[in-house]
C-alpha atoms as a PDB file:
ATOM      1  CA  UNK A   1     -72.761  47.917 -18.176  1.00  0.00           C
ATOM      2  CA  UNK A   2     -71.976  44.199 -18.138  1.00  0.00           C
ATOM      3  CA  UNK A   3     -69.135  41.806 -18.491  1.00  0.00           C
ATOM      4  CA  UNK A   4     -67.672  39.350 -20.980  1.00  0.00           C
ATOM      5  CA  UNK A   5     -65.865  36.038 -20.552  1.00  0.00           C
ATOM      6  CA  UNK A   6     -63.530  33.936 -22.663  1.00  0.00           C
ATOM      7  CA  UNK A   7     -62.741  30.303 -21.798  1.00  0.00           C
ATOM      8  CA  UNK A   8     -60.359  28.035 -23.677  1.00  0.00           C
ATOM      9  CA  UNK A   9     -59.808  24.337 -22.920  1.00  0.00           C
ATOM     10  CA  UNK A  10     -56.667  22.881 -21.319  1.00  0.00           C
ATOM     11  CA  UNK A  11     -55.839  19.778 -23.352  1.00  0.00           C
ATOM     12  CA  UNK A  12     -52.997  17.357 -22.621  1.00  0.00           C
ATOM     13  CA  UNK A  13     -52.470  13.955 -24.183  1.00  0.00           C
ATOM     14  CA  UNK A  14     -55.657  14.484 -26.242  1.00  0.00           C
ATOM     15  CA  UNK A  15     -57.740  14.794 -23.069  1.00  0.00           C
ATOM     16  CA  UNK A  16     -59.276  17.787 -21.377  1.00  0.00           C
ATOM     17  CA  UNK A  17     -57.691  18.606 -18.030  1.00  0.00           C
ATOM     18  CA  UNK A  18     -59.417  21.920 -17.314  1.00  0.00           C
ATOM     19  CA  UNK A  19     -60.123  25.346 -18.727  1.00  0.00           C
ATOM     20  CA  UNK A  20     -58.517  28.792 -18.683  1.00  0.00           C
ATOM     21  CA  UNK A  21     -60.859  31.780 -18.470  1.00  0.00           C
ATOM     22  CA  UNK A  22     -60.583  35.587 -18.522  1.00  0.00           C
ATOM     23  CA  UNK A  23     -63.219  38.194 -17.781  1.00  0.00           C
ATOM     24  CA  UNK A  24     -63.746  41.728 -19.057  1.00  0.00           C
ATOM     25  CA  UNK A  25     -65.777  44.342 -17.179  1.00  0.00           C
ATOM     26  CA  UNK A  26     -67.607  45.395 -20.320  1.00  0.00           C
ATOM     27  CA  UNK A  27     -69.550  43.688 -23.015  1.00  0.00           C
ATOM     28  CA  UNK A  28     -67.260  43.150 -25.939  1.00  0.00           C
ATOM     29  CA  UNK A  29     -66.229  40.736 -28.647  1.00  0.00           C
ATOM     30  CA  UNK A  30     -62.796  39.150 -28.126  1.00  0.00           C
ATOM     31  CA  UNK A  31     -60.484  39.569 -31.059  1.00  0.00           C
ATOM     32  CA  UNK A  32     -58.906  36.647 -32.892  1.00  0.00           C
ATOM     33  CA  UNK A  33     -55.402  37.540 -31.737  1.00  0.00           C
ATOM     34  CA  UNK A  34     -56.649  37.668 -28.120  1.00  0.00           C
ATOM     35  CA  UNK A  35     -58.175  34.233 -28.506  1.00  0.00           C
ATOM     36  CA  UNK A  36     -54.941  32.908 -30.044  1.00  0.00           C
ATOM     37  CA  UNK A  37     -52.905  34.358 -27.182  1.00  0.00           C
ATOM     38  CA  UNK A  38     -55.238  32.774 -24.641  1.00  0.00           C
ATOM     39  CA  UNK A  39     -54.979  29.442 -26.419  1.00  0.00           C
ATOM     40  CA  UNK A  40     -51.173  29.668 -26.304  1.00  0.00           C
ATOM     41  CA  UNK A  41     -51.312  30.333 -22.562  1.00  0.00           C
ATOM     42  CA  UNK A  42     -53.754  27.439 -22.185  1.00  0.00           C
ATOM     43  CA  UNK A  43     -51.441  25.080 -24.069  1.00  0.00           C
ATOM     44  CA  UNK A  44     -48.521  26.038 -21.823  1.00  0.00           C
ATOM     45  CA  UNK A  45     -50.657  25.636 -18.714  1.00  0.00           C
ATOM     46  CA  UNK A  46     -51.906  22.225 -19.873  1.00  0.00           C
ATOM     47  CA  UNK A  47     -48.329  21.035 -20.447  1.00  0.00           C
ATOM     48  CA  UNK A  48     -47.305  22.343 -17.011  1.00  0.00           C
ATOM     49  CA  UNK A  49     -50.206  20.526 -15.350  1.00  0.00           C
ATOM     50  CA  UNK A  50     -49.402  17.311 -17.233  1.00  0.00           C
ATOM     51  CA  UNK A  51     -45.735  17.543 -16.272  1.00  0.00           C
ATOM     52  CA  UNK A  52     -46.693  18.080 -12.637  1.00  0.00           C
ATOM     53  CA  UNK A  53     -48.990  15.052 -12.768  1.00  0.00           C
ATOM     54  CA  UNK A  54     -46.286  12.922 -14.390  1.00  0.00           C
ATOM     55  CA  UNK A  55     -43.762  14.092 -11.792  1.00  0.00           C
ATOM     56  CA  UNK A  56     -46.064  13.064  -8.964  1.00  0.00           C
ATOM     57  CA  UNK A  57     -46.636   9.696 -10.623  1.00  0.00           C
ATOM     58  CA  UNK A  58     -42.911   9.141 -11.141  1.00  0.00           C
ATOM     59  CA  UNK A  59     -42.122  10.182  -7.578  1.00  0.00           C
ATOM     60  CA  UNK A  60     -44.765   7.815  -6.213  1.00  0.00           C
ATOM     61  CA  UNK A  61     -43.396   4.982  -8.358  1.00  0.00           C
ATOM     62  CA  UNK A  62     -39.823   5.731  -7.285  1.00  0.00           C
ATOM     63  CA  UNK A  63     -40.821   5.669  -3.620  1.00  0.00           C
ATOM     64  CA  UNK A  64     -42.645   2.387  -4.155  1.00  0.00           C
ATOM     65  CA  UNK A  65     -39.642   0.881  -5.968  1.00  0.00           C
ATOM     66  CA  UNK A  66     -37.281   2.068  -3.232  1.00  0.00           C
ATOM     67  CA  UNK A  67     -39.463   0.405  -0.595  1.00  0.00           C
ATOM     68  CA  UNK A  68     -39.596  -2.797  -2.625  1.00  0.00           C
ATOM     69  CA  UNK A  69     -35.833  -2.796  -3.210  1.00  0.00           C
ATOM     70  CA  UNK A  70     -35.146  -2.204   0.494  1.00  0.00           C
ATOM     71  CA  UNK A  71     -37.431  -5.112   1.335  1.00  0.00           C
ATOM     72  CA  UNK A  72     -35.777  -7.272  -1.351  1.00  0.00           C
ATOM     73  CA  UNK A  73     -32.373  -6.454   0.166  1.00  0.00           C
ATOM     74  CA  UNK A  74     -33.657  -7.601   3.561  1.00  0.00           C
ATOM     75  CA  UNK A  75     -34.961 -10.822   2.010  1.00  0.00           C
ATOM     76  CA  UNK A  76     -31.674 -11.460   0.210  1.00  0.00           C
ATOM     77  CA  UNK A  77     -29.700 -10.859   3.404  1.00  0.00           C
ATOM     78  CA  UNK A  78     -32.040 -13.144   5.348  1.00  0.00           C
ATOM     79  CA  UNK A  79     -31.406 -15.968   2.876  1.00  0.00           C
ATOM     80  CA  UNK A  80     -27.661 -15.848   3.515  1.00  0.00           C
ATOM     81  CA  UNK A  81     -26.306 -17.571   6.628  1.00  0.00           C
ATOM     82  CA  UNK A  82     -24.874 -15.407   9.379  1.00  0.00           C
ATOM     83  CA  UNK A  83     -23.147 -18.072  11.451  1.00  0.00           C
ATOM     84  CA  UNK A  84     -21.832 -21.605  11.289  1.00  0.00           C
ATOM     85  CA  UNK A  85     -24.353 -24.410  11.951  1.00  0.00           C
ATOM     86  CA  UNK A  86     -24.396 -25.230  15.658  1.00  0.00           C
ATOM     87  CA  UNK A  87     -22.666 -28.265  17.112  1.00  0.00           C
ATOM     88  CA  UNK A  88     -19.934 -28.234  14.491  1.00  0.00           C
ATOM     89  CA  UNK A  89     -16.436 -28.305  15.966  1.00  0.00           C
ATOM     90  CA  UNK A  90     -12.995 -28.224  14.425  1.00  0.00           C
ATOM     91  CA  UNK A  91     -13.901 -25.813  11.632  1.00  0.00           C
ATOM     92  CA  UNK A  92     -14.047 -22.042  11.258  1.00  0.00           C
ATOM     93  CA  UNK A  93     -16.105 -20.450   8.460  1.00  0.00           C
ATOM     94  CA  UNK A  94     -16.560 -16.838   7.361  1.00  0.00           C
ATOM     95  CA  UNK A  95     -18.205 -15.198   4.356  1.00  0.00           C
ATOM     96  CA  UNK A  96     -18.827 -11.777   2.859  1.00  0.00           C
ATOM     97  CA  UNK A  97     -21.028 -10.661  -0.026  1.00  0.00           C
ATOM     98  CA  UNK A  98     -21.014  -7.170  -1.550  1.00  0.00           C
ATOM     99  CA  UNK A  99     -23.341  -6.570  -4.511  1.00  0.00           C
ATOM    100  CA  UNK A 100     -22.378  -4.176  -7.302  1.00  0.00           C
ATOM    101  CA  UNK A 101     -25.934  -2.795  -7.287  1.00  0.00           C
ATOM    102  CA  UNK A 102     -28.732  -2.717  -4.731  1.00  0.00           C
ATOM    103  CA  UNK A 103     -29.296  -6.432  -5.343  1.00  0.00           C
ATOM    104  CA  UNK A 104     -26.840  -9.024  -6.578  1.00  0.00           C
ATOM    105  CA  UNK A 105     -26.679 -12.442  -8.170  1.00  0.00           C
ATOM    106  CA  UNK A 106     -24.062 -14.051  -5.913  1.00  0.00           C
ATOM    107  CA  UNK A 107     -25.014 -16.650  -3.307  1.00  0.00           C
ATOM    108  CA  UNK A 108     -23.353 -18.686  -0.630  1.00  0.00           C
ATOM    109  CA  UNK A 109     -24.455 -21.099   2.052  1.00  0.00           C
ATOM    110  CA  UNK A 110     -22.988 -23.447   4.630  1.00  0.00           C
ATOM    111  CA  UNK A 111     -25.155 -26.301   5.878  1.00  0.00           C
ATOM    112  CA  UNK A 112     -24.853 -29.267   8.236  1.00  0.00           C
ATOM    113  CA  UNK A 113     -26.926 -32.070   6.678  1.00  0.00           C
ATOM    114  CA  UNK A 114     -25.552 -34.639   9.140  1.00  0.00           C
ATOM    115  CA  UNK A 115     -23.533 -34.601  12.366  1.00  0.00           C
ATOM    116  CA  UNK A 116     -19.866 -33.834  11.728  1.00  0.00           C
ATOM    117  CA  UNK A 117     -20.550 -32.755   8.130  1.00  0.00           C
ATOM    118  CA  UNK A 118     -20.458 -29.346   6.504  1.00  0.00           C
ATOM    119  CA  UNK A 119     -21.625 -28.472   3.005  1.00  0.00           C
ATOM    120  CA  UNK A 120     -20.401 -25.188   1.537  1.00  0.00           C
ATOM    121  CA  UNK A 121     -21.796 -23.708  -1.673  1.00  0.00           C
ATOM    122  CA  UNK A 122     -20.727 -20.510  -3.439  1.00  0.00           C
ATOM    123  CA  UNK A 123     -22.414 -19.372  -6.632  1.00  0.00           C
ATOM    124  CA  UNK A 124     -22.707 -16.563  -9.140  1.00  0.00           C
ATOM    125  CA  UNK A 125     -25.694 -15.968 -11.412  1.00  0.00           C
ATOM    126  CA  UNK A 126     -25.176 -14.305 -14.780  1.00  0.00           C
ATOM    127  CA  UNK A 127     -26.343 -10.703 -14.892  1.00  0.00           C
ATOM    128  CA  UNK A 128     -27.029  -8.240 -12.120  1.00  0.00           C
ATOM    129  CA  UNK A 129     -29.899  -6.558 -10.358  1.00  0.00           C
ATOM    130  CA  UNK A 130     -33.375  -7.902  -9.636  1.00  0.00           C
ATOM    131  CA  UNK A 131     -33.510 -10.743 -12.241  1.00  0.00           C
ATOM    132  CA  UNK A 132     -30.158 -12.130 -11.075  1.00  0.00           C
ATOM    133  CA  UNK A 133     -31.260 -11.846  -7.430  1.00  0.00           C
ATOM    134  CA  UNK A 134     -34.458 -13.809  -8.127  1.00  0.00           C
ATOM    135  CA  UNK A 135     -32.551 -16.511 -10.007  1.00  0.00           C
ATOM    136  CA  UNK A 136     -29.970 -16.584  -7.204  1.00  0.00           C
ATOM    137  CA  UNK A 137     -32.670 -17.075  -4.555  1.00  0.00           C
ATOM    138  CA  UNK A 138     -34.061 -20.029  -6.511  1.00  0.00           C
ATOM    139  CA  UNK A 139     -30.605 -21.547  -6.971  1.00  0.00           C
ATOM    140  CA  UNK A 140     -29.917 -21.118  -3.251  1.00  0.00           C
ATOM    141  CA  UNK A 141     -33.092 -22.987  -2.351  1.00  0.00           C
ATOM    142  CA  UNK A 142     -32.062 -25.789  -4.707  1.00  0.00           C
ATOM    143  CA  UNK A 143     -28.730 -26.029  -2.872  1.00  0.00           C
ATOM    144  CA  UNK A 144     -30.532 -26.406   0.449  1.00  0.00           C
ATOM    145  CA  UNK A 145     -33.137 -28.893  -0.785  1.00  0.00           C
ATOM    146  CA  UNK A 146     -30.561 -31.061  -2.589  1.00  0.00           C
ATOM    147  CA  UNK A 147     -28.250 -30.968   0.457  1.00  0.00           C
ATOM    148  CA  UNK A 148     -30.833 -31.947   3.058  1.00  0.00           C
ATOM    149  CA  UNK A 149     -32.377 -34.549   0.775  1.00  0.00           C
ATOM    150  CA  UNK A 150     -29.855 -37.100   2.021  1.00  0.00           C
ATOM    151  CA  UNK A 151     -31.667 -37.151   5.371  1.00  0.00           C
ATOM    152  CA  UNK A 152     -34.692 -38.759   3.735  1.00  0.00           C
ATOM    153  CA  UNK A 153     -33.207 -41.016   1.068  1.00  0.00           C
ATOM    154  CA  UNK A 154     -30.973 -44.082   1.404  1.00  0.00           C
ATOM    155  CA  UNK A 155     -28.665 -42.796  -1.324  1.00  0.00           C
ATOM    156  CA  UNK A 156     -25.849 -40.541  -0.239  1.00  0.00           C
ATOM    157  CA  UNK A 157     -25.852 -37.252  -2.140  1.00  0.00           C
ATOM    158  CA  UNK A 158     -22.450 -36.371  -3.600  1.00  0.00           C
ATOM    159  CA  UNK A 159     -21.285 -32.883  -4.628  1.00  0.00           C
ATOM    160  CA  UNK A 160     -21.347 -33.966  -8.285  1.00  0.00           C
ATOM    161  CA  UNK A 161     -24.841 -35.341  -7.811  1.00  0.00           C
ATOM    162  CA  UNK A 162     -26.040 -32.086  -6.265  1.00  0.00           C
ATOM    163  CA  UNK A 163     -24.725 -30.088  -9.227  1.00  0.00           C
ATOM    164  CA  UNK A 164     -26.198 -32.489 -11.791  1.00  0.00           C
ATOM    165  CA  UNK A 165     -29.596 -32.345 -10.092  1.00  0.00           C
ATOM    166  CA  UNK A 166     -29.518 -28.551  -9.915  1.00  0.00           C
ATOM    167  CA  UNK A 167     -28.501 -28.337 -13.565  1.00  0.00           C
ATOM    168  CA  UNK A 168     -31.458 -30.461 -14.627  1.00  0.00           C
ATOM    169  CA  UNK A 169     -33.965 -28.380 -12.670  1.00  0.00           C
ATOM    170  CA  UNK A 170     -32.570 -25.030 -13.794  1.00  0.00           C
ATOM    171  CA  UNK A 171     -32.394 -26.118 -17.441  1.00  0.00           C
ATOM    172  CA  UNK A 172     -35.995 -27.317 -17.342  1.00  0.00           C
ATOM    173  CA  UNK A 173     -37.122 -23.815 -16.345  1.00  0.00           C
ATOM    174  CA  UNK A 174     -36.227 -22.613 -19.841  1.00  0.00           C
ATOM    175  CA  UNK A 175     -34.369 -19.456 -18.799  1.00  0.00           C
ATOM    176  CA  UNK A 176     -31.588 -19.873 -21.345  1.00  0.00           C
ATOM    177  CA  UNK A 177     -30.385 -16.282 -20.949  1.00  0.00           C
ATOM    178  CA  UNK A 178     -29.475 -17.012 -17.319  1.00  0.00           C
ATOM    179  CA  UNK A 179     -27.108 -19.554 -15.817  1.00  0.00           C
ATOM    180  CA  UNK A 180     -25.343 -20.137 -12.526  1.00  0.00           C
ATOM    181  CA  UNK A 181     -21.724 -20.964 -11.785  1.00  0.00           C
ATOM    182  CA  UNK A 182     -21.308 -22.745  -8.466  1.00  0.00           C
ATOM    183  CA  UNK A 183     -18.807 -24.682  -6.366  1.00  0.00           C
ATOM    184  CA  UNK A 184     -20.079 -27.262  -3.896  1.00  0.00           C
ATOM    185  CA  UNK A 185     -17.817 -28.708  -1.193  1.00  0.00           C
ATOM    186  CA  UNK A 186     -18.711 -31.428   1.286  1.00  0.00           C
ATOM    187  CA  UNK A 187     -16.536 -31.551   4.424  1.00  0.00           C
ATOM    188  CA  UNK A 188     -16.619 -34.819   6.362  1.00  0.00           C
ATOM    189  CA  UNK A 189     -15.132 -33.759   9.683  1.00  0.00           C
ATOM    190  CA  UNK A 190     -15.261 -37.296  11.087  1.00  0.00           C
ATOM    191  CA  UNK A 191     -13.451 -39.025   8.230  1.00  0.00           C
ATOM    192  CA  UNK A 192     -11.268 -35.921   7.753  1.00  0.00           C
ATOM    193  CA  UNK A 193     -11.922 -35.491   4.039  1.00  0.00           C
ATOM    194  CA  UNK A 194     -13.412 -32.885   1.735  1.00  0.00           C
ATOM    195  CA  UNK A 195     -14.963 -33.572  -1.666  1.00  0.00           C
ATOM    196  CA  UNK A 196     -15.572 -30.796  -4.191  1.00  0.00           C
ATOM    197  CA  UNK A 197     -17.392 -30.372  -7.489  1.00  0.00           C
ATOM    198  CA  UNK A 198     -17.448 -27.248  -9.604  1.00  0.00           C
ATOM    199  CA  UNK A 199     -19.770 -25.745 -12.196  1.00  0.00           C
ATOM    200  CA  UNK A 200     -17.542 -23.075 -13.769  1.00  0.00           C
ATOM    201  CA  UNK A 201     -17.017 -20.889 -10.699  1.00  0.00           C
ATOM    202  CA  UNK A 202     -13.406 -19.613 -10.409  1.00  0.00           C
ATOM    203  CA  UNK A 203     -11.326 -22.490  -9.088  1.00  0.00           C
ATOM    204  CA  UNK A 204     -11.286 -22.834  -5.277  1.00  0.00           C
ATOM    205  CA  UNK A 205      -8.007 -22.131  -3.510  1.00  0.00           C
ATOM    206  CA  UNK A 206      -6.530 -24.654  -1.076  1.00  0.00           C
ATOM    207  CA  UNK A 207      -3.801 -23.878   1.417  1.00  0.00           C
ATOM    208  CA  UNK A 208      -2.164 -26.819   3.174  1.00  0.00           C
ATOM    209  CA  UNK A 209       1.160 -27.094   4.959  1.00  0.00           C
ATOM    210  CA  UNK A 210       2.934 -27.679   1.655  1.00  0.00           C
ATOM    211  CA  UNK A 211       1.224 -25.394  -0.831  1.00  0.00           C
ATOM    212  CA  UNK A 212      -1.312 -22.662  -1.476  1.00  0.00           C
ATOM    213  CA  UNK A 213      -2.815 -23.063  -4.948  1.00  0.00           C
ATOM    214  CA  UNK A 214      -5.946 -23.404  -7.041  1.00  0.00           C
ATOM    215  CA  UNK A 215      -7.856 -26.656  -7.286  1.00  0.00           C
ATOM    216  CA  UNK A 216      -8.232 -27.134 -11.049  1.00  0.00           C
ATOM    217  CA  UNK A 217     -11.759 -28.437 -11.362  1.00  0.00           C
ATOM    218  CA  UNK A 218     -13.633 -27.387 -14.534  1.00  0.00           C
ATOM    219  CA  UNK A 219     -17.352 -27.774 -15.131  1.00  0.00           C
ATOM    220  CA  UNK A 220     -20.333 -26.520 -17.132  1.00  0.00           C
ATOM    221  CA  UNK A 221     -22.458 -23.669 -15.717  1.00  0.00           C
ATOM    222  CA  UNK A 222     -25.722 -24.831 -14.188  1.00  0.00           C
ATOM    223  CA  UNK A 223     -28.773 -24.483 -16.418  1.00  0.00           C
ATOM    224  CA  UNK A 224     -26.797 -24.242 -19.664  1.00  0.00           C
ATOM    225  CA  UNK A 225     -27.106 -27.765 -21.091  1.00  0.00           C
ATOM    226  CA  UNK A 226     -29.286 -30.765 -20.334  1.00  0.00           C
ATOM    227  CA  UNK A 227     -27.617 -33.875 -18.967  1.00  0.00           C
ATOM    228  CA  UNK A 228     -24.396 -32.205 -17.815  1.00  0.00           C
ATOM    229  CA  UNK A 229     -22.232 -34.248 -15.460  1.00  0.00           C
ATOM    230  CA  UNK A 230     -19.567 -33.040 -13.054  1.00  0.00           C
ATOM    231  CA  UNK A 231     -16.251 -34.314 -11.773  1.00  0.00           C
ATOM    232  CA  UNK A 232     -15.205 -34.531  -8.148  1.00  0.00           C
ATOM    233  CA  UNK A 233     -11.913 -34.243  -6.319  1.00  0.00           C
ATOM    234  CA  UNK A 234     -11.174 -35.158  -2.704  1.00  0.00           C
ATOM    235  CA  UNK A 235      -8.507 -34.143  -0.188  1.00  0.00           C
ATOM    236  CA  UNK A 236      -7.590 -35.235   3.300  1.00  0.00           C
ATOM    237  CA  UNK A 237      -8.080 -32.590   5.966  1.00  0.00           C
ATOM    238  CA  UNK A 238      -5.436 -31.487   8.444  1.00  0.00           C
ATOM    239  CA  UNK A 239      -5.419 -28.767  11.112  1.00  0.00           C
ATOM    240  CA  UNK A 240      -4.539 -25.432   9.580  1.00  0.00           C
ATOM    241  CA  UNK A 241      -5.867 -26.256   6.097  1.00  0.00           C
ATOM    242  CA  UNK A 242      -7.676 -23.359   4.456  1.00  0.00           C
ATOM    243  CA  UNK A 243     -10.179 -23.486   1.582  1.00  0.00           C
ATOM    244  CA  UNK A 244     -11.279 -20.243  -0.068  1.00  0.00           C
ATOM    245  CA  UNK A 245     -14.076 -19.812  -2.591  1.00  0.00           C
ATOM    246  CA  UNK A 246     -14.561 -16.541  -4.511  1.00  0.00           C
ATOM    247  CA  UNK A 247     -16.832 -15.353  -7.288  1.00  0.00           C
ATOM    248  CA  UNK A 248     -15.234 -13.723 -10.313  1.00  0.00           C
ATOM    249  CA  UNK A 249     -16.046 -10.245  -9.026  1.00  0.00           C
ATOM    250  CA  UNK A 250     -12.966 -10.610  -6.789  1.00  0.00           C
ATOM    251  CA  UNK A 251     -10.335 -11.716  -9.291  1.00  0.00           C
ATOM    252  CA  UNK A 252     -11.824  -9.575 -12.086  1.00  0.00           C
ATOM    253  CA  UNK A 253     -11.832  -6.309 -10.119  1.00  0.00           C
ATOM    254  CA  UNK A 254     -10.031  -3.529 -11.990  1.00  0.00           C
ATOM    255  CA  UNK A 255      -7.657  -0.796 -10.913  1.00  0.00           C
ATOM    256  CA  UNK A 256      -8.130   2.817 -12.082  1.00  0.00           C
ATOM    257  CA  UNK A 257      -5.635   2.090 -14.889  1.00  0.00           C
ATOM    258  CA  UNK A 258      -7.600  -0.970 -16.073  1.00  0.00           C
ATOM    259  CA  UNK A 259      -5.343  -3.683 -14.600  1.00  0.00           C
ATOM    260  CA  UNK A 260      -7.122  -6.815 -13.357  1.00  0.00           C
ATOM    261  CA  UNK A 261      -6.712  -7.944  -9.745  1.00  0.00           C
ATOM    262  CA  UNK A 262      -6.123 -11.482 -10.973  1.00  0.00           C
ATOM    263  CA  UNK A 263      -5.821 -14.937  -9.481  1.00  0.00           C
ATOM    264  CA  UNK A 264      -2.120 -14.727  -8.605  1.00  0.00           C
ATOM    265  CA  UNK A 265      -2.661 -11.616  -6.511  1.00  0.00           C
ATOM    266  CA  UNK A 266      -5.624 -13.314  -4.785  1.00  0.00           C
ATOM    267  CA  UNK A 267      -3.557 -16.400  -3.947  1.00  0.00           C
ATOM    268  CA  UNK A 268      -0.794 -14.172  -2.599  1.00  0.00           C
ATOM    269  CA  UNK A 269      -3.217 -12.398  -0.246  1.00  0.00           C
ATOM    270  CA  UNK A 270      -4.610 -15.712   0.998  1.00  0.00           C
ATOM    271  CA  UNK A 271      -1.144 -17.191   1.510  1.00  0.00           C
ATOM    272  CA  UNK A 272      -0.054 -14.142   3.479  1.00  0.00           C
ATOM    273  CA  UNK A 273      -3.037 -14.392   5.854  1.00  0.00           C
ATOM    274  CA  UNK A 274      -3.518 -18.167   5.863  1.00  0.00           C
ATOM    275  CA  UNK A 275      -2.681 -18.510   9.562  1.00  0.00           C
ATOM    276  CA  UNK A 276      -5.408 -16.034  10.560  1.00  0.00           C
ATOM    277  CA  UNK A 277      -9.049 -16.884  11.233  1.00  0.00           C
ATOM    278  CA  UNK A 278     -11.468 -17.431   8.381  1.00  0.00           C
ATOM    279  CA  UNK A 279     -12.907 -13.970   9.035  1.00  0.00           C
ATOM    280  CA  UNK A 280      -9.405 -12.495   8.885  1.00  0.00           C
ATOM    281  CA  UNK A 281      -8.756 -14.062   5.486  1.00  0.00           C
ATOM    282  CA  UNK A 282     -12.064 -12.818   4.045  1.00  0.00           C
ATOM    283  CA  UNK A 283     -11.431  -9.332   5.418  1.00  0.00           C
ATOM    284  CA  UNK A 284      -7.922  -9.328   3.927  1.00  0.00           C
ATOM    285  CA  UNK A 285      -9.271 -10.277   0.489  1.00  0.00           C
ATOM    286  CA  UNK A 286     -11.818  -7.463   0.443  1.00  0.00           C
ATOM    287  CA  UNK A 287      -9.332  -4.956   1.827  1.00  0.00           C
ATOM    288  CA  UNK A 288      -6.786  -5.861  -0.863  1.00  0.00           C
ATOM    289  CA  UNK A 289      -9.382  -5.510  -3.628  1.00  0.00           C
ATOM    290  CA  UNK A 290     -10.565  -2.172  -2.255  1.00  0.00           C
ATOM    291  CA  UNK A 291      -7.033  -0.760  -2.177  1.00  0.00           C
ATOM    292  CA  UNK A 292      -6.318  -2.137  -5.659  1.00  0.00           C
ATOM    293  CA  UNK A 293      -9.541  -0.707  -7.104  1.00  0.00           C
ATOM    294  CA  UNK A 294      -8.955   2.758  -5.647  1.00  0.00           C
ATOM    295  CA  UNK A 295     -11.643   5.197  -6.715  1.00  0.00           C
ATOM    296  CA  UNK A 296     -12.886   2.932  -9.506  1.00  0.00           C
ATOM    297  CA  UNK A 297     -16.480   1.792  -8.987  1.00  0.00           C
ATOM    298  CA  UNK A 298     -17.221  -1.847  -8.217  1.00  0.00           C
ATOM    299  CA  UNK A 299     -18.297  -3.468 -11.492  1.00  0.00           C
ATOM    300  CA  UNK A 300     -19.456  -6.903 -10.328  1.00  0.00           C
ATOM    301  CA  UNK A 301     -20.821  -8.651  -7.271  1.00  0.00           C
ATOM    302  CA  UNK A 302     -18.113  -9.888  -4.911  1.00  0.00           C
ATOM    303  CA  UNK A 303     -18.328 -12.919  -2.615  1.00  0.00           C
ATOM    304  CA  UNK A 304     -15.631 -14.713  -0.642  1.00  0.00           C
ATOM    305  CA  UNK A 305     -16.023 -17.687   1.689  1.00  0.00           C
ATOM    306  CA  UNK A 306     -13.168 -19.116   3.756  1.00  0.00           C
ATOM    307  CA  UNK A 307     -13.171 -22.476   5.558  1.00  0.00           C
ATOM    308  CA  UNK A 308     -10.365 -23.151   8.040  1.00  0.00           C
ATOM    309  CA  UNK A 309      -9.815 -26.532   9.669  1.00  0.00           C
ATOM    310  CA  UNK A 310      -8.921 -25.768  13.264  1.00  0.00           C
ATOM    311  CA  UNK A 311      -8.437 -29.248  14.747  1.00  0.00           C
END
């Protein structure tokens, strides 16, 4: 009496991952067809083990990516302002940002570089997802650094100057496949004026006592061409004036039938709610887009910022 054994290797991706063995309770010679059958079982087992290993690797990577994305969302939210700069009176500001994916390329900020002054910036980076979010974070920091620079230099920084400076820095980074559209508005609450410059963001909307319409102010996207310059336009401020800035994800939202929300519909919503608070206007814009879009998925990042002069 004795026993016999047959072992065949488990090979996956040209590497041994184990062995498959069988035992017989008698001494015998295994036949060729038995060996072939065992090898077939071994091949199937090796593939199963490799698939299980790959699954565990993919699951671990997915969990890591989910943690990183959640953290990136927290960072992106932390970079956006949640309230108006303190000590500013006579102005009401509200904003809302909804990305189309986990992370978005829109940005906004409102800053008080000097007493009785408010700088508002709204931007949109080309593309979506993580690359756009990284580019957006960099552009947002440029807005802040260029805005607060006036505290330390004798030259007064203008909205057009801020955009030109940002364009130079972004273009020098050599990321030609990315660019940023951005509107920059400087509110002088003491002199009762606002000055705006625009780098290809959808035109801002101004509501005064007489009219509610777009401010036609063209410009070249930031980072696209070296040496770009930007025009400015100024308006006097009066109580009740409303300025609204939106990225193109608002006006270019689509209904289930493929109709575009459009600028005229946006102006109509703003005009209808112009006497409400800034938060009320922003909420009305998003509510109108949501109803218009119906069950159609959001296709682009959406940002709206409203500035209301209260006194």
